[in-house]
Structures are given as C-alpha cells and as structure tokens.
Amino acid sequence: MRNILMTVMMLVVVVLLFNGIITQGSTGTQAQIQKQGTAANTKIGALAPQ
C-alpha cells in the first residue's frame, strides 16, 4: 500500500513539474521552441536563391 501511495505522489509531482516547466505561458519551453522555430522559418523564407 505504501508503494502505491509513493508512486501516485511521484506521478503528481511529475505532472506539476511538467505543467510548470513545459507549458508555462510565454516563458515555458514550448513557447521558446515555437519562438525559435518561427524565427528560423522567417530567416529561411528570406533567403534569396543565387
């Protein structure tokens, strides 16, 4: 029973950390990846063929 409780508590902590780090508004990892991807697409689109 104690092992199940510890496992459930660890899963809750992992979910809370995921929400705090990955999906946190405009400063989370997901937002940073999207911002850098958009910047890369803009630079690639601005390249002129020679």
PDB file of N, CA and C in Angstrom:
ATOM      1  N   MET A   1       0.825  -1.202   0.000  1.00  0.00           N
ATOM      2  CA  MET A   1       0.000   0.000   0.000  1.00  0.00           C
ATOM      3  C   MET A   1       0.865   1.262   0.000  1.00  0.00           C
ATOM      4  N   ARG A   2       1.948   1.191   0.762  1.00  0.00           N
ATOM      5  CA  ARG A   2       2.839   2.349   0.839  1.00  0.00           C
ATOM      6  C   ARG A   2       3.510   2.611  -0.512  1.00  0.00           C
ATOM      7  N   ASN A   3       3.854   1.535  -1.210  1.00  0.00           N
ATOM      8  CA  ASN A   3       4.493   1.691  -2.523  1.00  0.00           C
ATOM      9  C   ASN A   3       3.554   2.360  -3.515  1.00  0.00           C
ATOM     10  N   ILE A   4       2.288   1.997  -3.466  1.00  0.00           N
ATOM     11  CA  ILE A   4       1.308   2.607  -4.375  1.00  0.00           C
ATOM     12  C   ILE A   4       1.164   4.092  -4.069  1.00  0.00           C
ATOM     13  N   LEU A   5       1.104   4.439  -2.798  1.00  0.00           N
ATOM     14  CA  LEU A   5       0.982   5.844  -2.407  1.00  0.00           C
ATOM     15  C   LEU A   5       2.197   6.650  -2.878  1.00  0.00           C
ATOM     16  N   MET A   6       3.384   6.109  -2.699  1.00  0.00           N
ATOM     17  CA  MET A   6       4.602   6.797  -3.142  1.00  0.00           C
ATOM     18  C   MET A   6       4.597   6.984  -4.657  1.00  0.00           C
ATOM     19  N   THR A   7       4.159   5.960  -5.390  1.00  0.00           N
ATOM     20  CA  THR A   7       4.107   6.050  -6.849  1.00  0.00           C
ATOM     21  C   THR A   7       3.126   7.131  -7.294  1.00  0.00           C
ATOM     22  N   VAL A   8       1.966   7.157  -6.683  1.00  0.00           N
ATOM     23  CA  VAL A   8       0.960   8.164  -7.043  1.00  0.00           C
ATOM     24  C   VAL A   8       1.475   9.559  -6.722  1.00  0.00           C
ATOM     25  N   MET A   9       2.111   9.726  -5.583  1.00  0.00           N
ATOM     26  CA  MET A   9       2.639  11.040  -5.214  1.00  0.00           C
ATOM     27  C   MET A   9       3.745  11.476  -6.178  1.00  0.00           C
ATOM     28  N   MET A  10       4.585  10.549  -6.599  1.00  0.00           N
ATOM     29  CA  MET A  10       5.642  10.899  -7.559  1.00  0.00           C
ATOM     30  C   MET A  10       5.048  11.290  -8.901  1.00  0.00           C
ATOM     31  N   LEU A  11       3.993  10.606  -9.330  1.00  0.00           N
ATOM     32  CA  LEU A  11       3.337  10.957 -10.588  1.00  0.00           C
ATOM     33  C   LEU A  11       2.721  12.349 -10.517  1.00  0.00           C
ATOM     34  N   VAL A  12       2.134  12.686  -9.393  1.00  0.00           N
ATOM     35  CA  VAL A  12       1.567  14.028  -9.219  1.00  0.00           C
ATOM     36  C   VAL A  12       2.659  15.077  -9.311  1.00  0.00           C
ATOM     37  N   VAL A  13       3.796  14.821  -8.689  1.00  0.00           N
ATOM     38  CA  VAL A  13       4.910  15.767  -8.742  1.00  0.00           C
ATOM     39  C   VAL A  13       5.407  15.933 -10.177  1.00  0.00           C
ATOM     40  N   VAL A  14       5.502  14.844 -10.909  1.00  0.00           N
ATOM     41  CA  VAL A  14       5.956  14.916 -12.304  1.00  0.00           C
ATOM     42  C   VAL A  14       4.988  15.741 -13.145  1.00  0.00           C
ATOM     43  N   VAL A  15       3.706  15.539 -12.956  1.00  0.00           N
ATOM     44  CA  VAL A  15       2.710  16.313 -13.712  1.00  0.00           C
ATOM     45  C   VAL A  15       2.809  17.795 -13.368  1.00  0.00           C
ATOM     46  N   LEU A  16       2.964  18.115 -12.103  1.00  0.00           N
ATOM     47  CA  LEU A  16       3.081  19.515 -11.697  1.00  0.00           C
ATOM     48  C   LEU A  16       4.351  20.152 -12.263  1.00  0.00           C
ATOM     49  N   LEU A  17       5.453  19.417 -12.245  1.00  0.00           N
ATOM     50  CA  LEU A  17       6.697  19.943 -12.821  1.00  0.00           C
ATOM     51  C   LEU A  17       6.544  20.152 -14.322  1.00  0.00           C
ATOM     52  N   PHE A  18       5.908  19.206 -15.010  1.00  0.00           N
ATOM     53  CA  PHE A  18       5.689  19.336 -16.449  1.00  0.00           C
ATOM     54  C   PHE A  18       4.898  20.598 -16.749  1.00  0.00           C
ATOM     55  N   ASN A  19       3.814  20.805 -16.011  1.00  0.00           N
ATOM     56  CA  ASN A  19       2.992  21.996 -16.230  1.00  0.00           C
ATOM     57  C   ASN A  19       3.757  23.270 -15.904  1.00  0.00           C
ATOM     58  N   GLY A  20       4.610  23.240 -14.917  1.00  0.00           N
ATOM     59  CA  GLY A  20       5.358  24.428 -14.525  1.00  0.00           C
ATOM     60  C   GLY A  20       6.494  24.768 -15.464  1.00  0.00           C
ATOM     61  N   ILE A  21       7.090  23.753 -16.081  1.00  0.00           N
ATOM     62  CA  ILE A  21       8.283  23.995 -16.906  1.00  0.00           C
ATOM     63  C   ILE A  21       7.947  24.051 -18.392  1.00  0.00           C
ATOM     64  N   ILE A  22       7.203  23.106 -18.882  1.00  0.00           N
ATOM     65  CA  ILE A  22       6.970  22.977 -20.322  1.00  0.00           C
ATOM     66  C   ILE A  22       5.896  23.940 -20.821  1.00  0.00           C
ATOM     67  N   THR A  23       4.767  23.984 -20.157  1.00  0.00           N
ATOM     68  CA  THR A  23       3.624  24.714 -20.698  1.00  0.00           C
ATOM     69  C   THR A  23       3.372  26.048 -20.013  1.00  0.00           C
ATOM     70  N   GLN A  24       4.379  26.617 -19.431  1.00  0.00           N
ATOM     71  CA  GLN A  24       4.208  27.845 -18.643  1.00  0.00           C
ATOM     72  C   GLN A  24       4.151  29.079 -19.534  1.00  0.00           C
ATOM     73  N   GLY A  25       2.951  29.498 -19.908  1.00  0.00           N
ATOM     74  CA  GLY A  25       2.719  30.763 -20.610  1.00  0.00           C
ATOM     75  C   GLY A  25       3.706  31.076 -21.710  1.00  0.00           C
ATOM     76  N   SER A  26       4.264  32.269 -21.678  1.00  0.00           N
ATOM     77  CA  SER A  26       5.183  32.706 -22.732  1.00  0.00           C
ATOM     78  C   SER A  26       6.638  32.461 -22.361  1.00  0.00           C
ATOM     79  N   THR A  27       6.901  31.897 -21.198  1.00  0.00           N
ATOM     80  CA  THR A  27       8.290  31.650 -20.788  1.00  0.00           C
ATOM     81  C   THR A  27       8.615  30.171 -20.698  1.00  0.00           C
ATOM     82  N   GLY A  28       7.653  29.321 -20.993  1.00  0.00           N
ATOM     83  CA  GLY A  28       7.885  27.882 -20.913  1.00  0.00           C
ATOM     84  C   GLY A  28       8.681  27.366 -22.101  1.00  0.00           C
ATOM     85  N   THR A  29       9.102  26.129 -21.996  1.00  0.00           N
ATOM     86  CA  THR A  29       9.905  25.507 -23.044  1.00  0.00           C
ATOM     87  C   THR A  29       9.148  25.447 -24.366  1.00  0.00           C
ATOM     88  N   GLN A  30       7.879  25.120 -24.311  1.00  0.00           N
ATOM     89  CA  GLN A  30       7.083  25.036 -25.535  1.00  0.00           C
ATOM     90  C   GLN A  30       7.044  26.379 -26.260  1.00  0.00           C
ATOM     91  N   ALA A  31       6.853  27.461 -25.535  1.00  0.00           N
ATOM     92  CA  ALA A  31       6.802  28.791 -26.147  1.00  0.00           C
ATOM     93  C   ALA A  31       8.160  29.169 -26.724  1.00  0.00           C
ATOM     94  N   GLN A  32       9.232  28.819 -26.033  1.00  0.00           N
ATOM     95  CA  GLN A  32      10.571  29.135 -26.524  1.00  0.00           C
ATOM     96  C   GLN A  32      10.872  28.391 -27.827  1.00  0.00           C
ATOM     97  N   ILE A  33      10.477  27.121 -27.882  1.00  0.00           N
ATOM     98  CA  ILE A  33      10.693  26.336 -29.108  1.00  0.00           C
ATOM     99  C   ILE A  33       9.899  26.920 -30.267  1.00  0.00           C
ATOM    100  N   GLN A  34       8.653  27.305 -30.012  1.00  0.00           N
ATOM    101  CA  GLN A  34       7.839  27.900 -31.077  1.00  0.00           C
ATOM    102  C   GLN A  34       8.433  29.220 -31.548  1.00  0.00           C
ATOM    103  N   LYS A  35       8.927  30.036 -30.620  1.00  0.00           N
ATOM    104  CA  LYS A  35       9.505  31.329 -30.985  1.00  0.00           C
ATOM    105  C   LYS A  35      10.748  31.140 -31.849  1.00  0.00           C
ATOM    106  N   GLN A  36      11.612  30.212 -31.455  1.00  0.00           N
ATOM    107  CA  GLN A  36      12.829  29.980 -32.239  1.00  0.00           C
ATOM    108  C   GLN A  36      12.515  29.347 -33.591  1.00  0.00           C
ATOM    109  N   GLY A  37      11.490  28.482 -33.625  1.00  0.00           N
ATOM    110  CA  GLY A  37      11.088  27.884 -34.900  1.00  0.00           C
ATOM    111  C   GLY A  37      10.540  28.926 -35.859  1.00  0.00           C
ATOM    112  N   THR A  38       9.752  29.849 -35.332  1.00  0.00           N
ATOM    113  CA  THR A  38       9.213  30.923 -36.167  1.00  0.00           C
ATOM    114  C   THR A  38      10.335  31.809 -36.697  1.00  0.00           C
ATOM    115  N   ALA A  39      11.307  32.118 -35.845  1.00  0.00           N
ATOM    116  CA  ALA A  39      12.445  32.935 -36.285  1.00  0.00           C
ATOM    117  C   ALA A  39      13.237  32.207 -37.376  1.00  0.00           C
ATOM    118  N   ALA A  40      13.440  30.908 -37.212  1.00  0.00           N
ATOM    119  CA  ALA A  40      14.176  30.131 -38.220  1.00  0.00           C
ATOM    120  C   ALA A  40      13.409  30.095 -39.531  1.00  0.00           C
ATOM    121  N   ASN A  41      12.093  29.918 -39.471  1.00  0.00           N
ATOM    122  CA  ASN A  41      11.278  29.913 -40.699  1.00  0.00           C
ATOM    123  C   ASN A  41      11.342  31.260 -41.401  1.00  0.00           C
ATOM    124  N   THR A  42      11.349  32.337 -40.648  1.00  0.00           N
ATOM    125  CA  THR A  42      11.430  33.671 -41.235  1.00  0.00           C
ATOM    126  C   THR A  42      12.758  33.858 -41.950  1.00  0.00           C
ATOM    127  N   LYS A  43      13.842  33.437 -41.305  1.00  0.00           N
ATOM    128  CA  LYS A  43      15.173  33.572 -41.916  1.00  0.00           C
ATOM    129  C   LYS A  43      15.294  32.705 -43.163  1.00  0.00           C
ATOM    130  N   ILE A  44      14.762  31.498 -43.105  1.00  0.00           N
ATOM    131  CA  ILE A  44      14.824  30.619 -44.276  1.00  0.00           C
ATOM    132  C   ILE A  44      13.987  31.196 -45.414  1.00  0.00           C
ATOM    133  N   GLY A  45      12.830  31.736 -45.084  1.00  0.00           N
ATOM    134  CA  GLY A  45      11.975  32.335 -46.111  1.00  0.00           C
ATOM    135  C   GLY A  45      12.577  33.577 -46.752  1.00  0.00           C
ATOM    136  N   ALA A  46      13.471  34.252 -46.023  1.00  0.00           N
ATOM    137  CA  ALA A  46      14.088  35.470 -46.546  1.00  0.00           C
ATOM    138  C   ALA A  46      15.303  35.187 -47.415  1.00  0.00           C
ATOM    139  N   LEU A  47      15.753  33.939 -47.446  1.00  0.00           N
ATOM    140  CA  LEU A  47      16.923  33.614 -48.273  1.00  0.00           C
ATOM    141  C   LEU A  47      16.559  33.771 -49.748  1.00  0.00           C
ATOM    142  N   ALA A  48      17.479  34.367 -50.490  1.00  0.00           N
ATOM    143  CA  ALA A  48      17.256  34.559 -51.924  1.00  0.00           C
ATOM    144  C   ALA A  48      18.130  33.582 -52.703  1.00  0.00           C
ATOM    145  N   PRO A  49      17.544  32.886 -53.657  1.00  0.00           N
ATOM    146  CA  PRO A  49      18.343  31.961 -54.471  1.00  0.00           C
ATOM    147  C   PRO A  49      19.338  32.728 -55.342  1.00  0.00           C
ATOM    148  N   GLN A  50      20.465  32.105 -55.589  1.00  0.00           N
ATOM    149  CA  GLN A  50      21.506  32.777 -56.397  1.00  0.00           C
ATOM    150  C   GLN A  50      21.521  32.274 -57.797  1.00  0.00           C
TER     151      GLN A  50
END
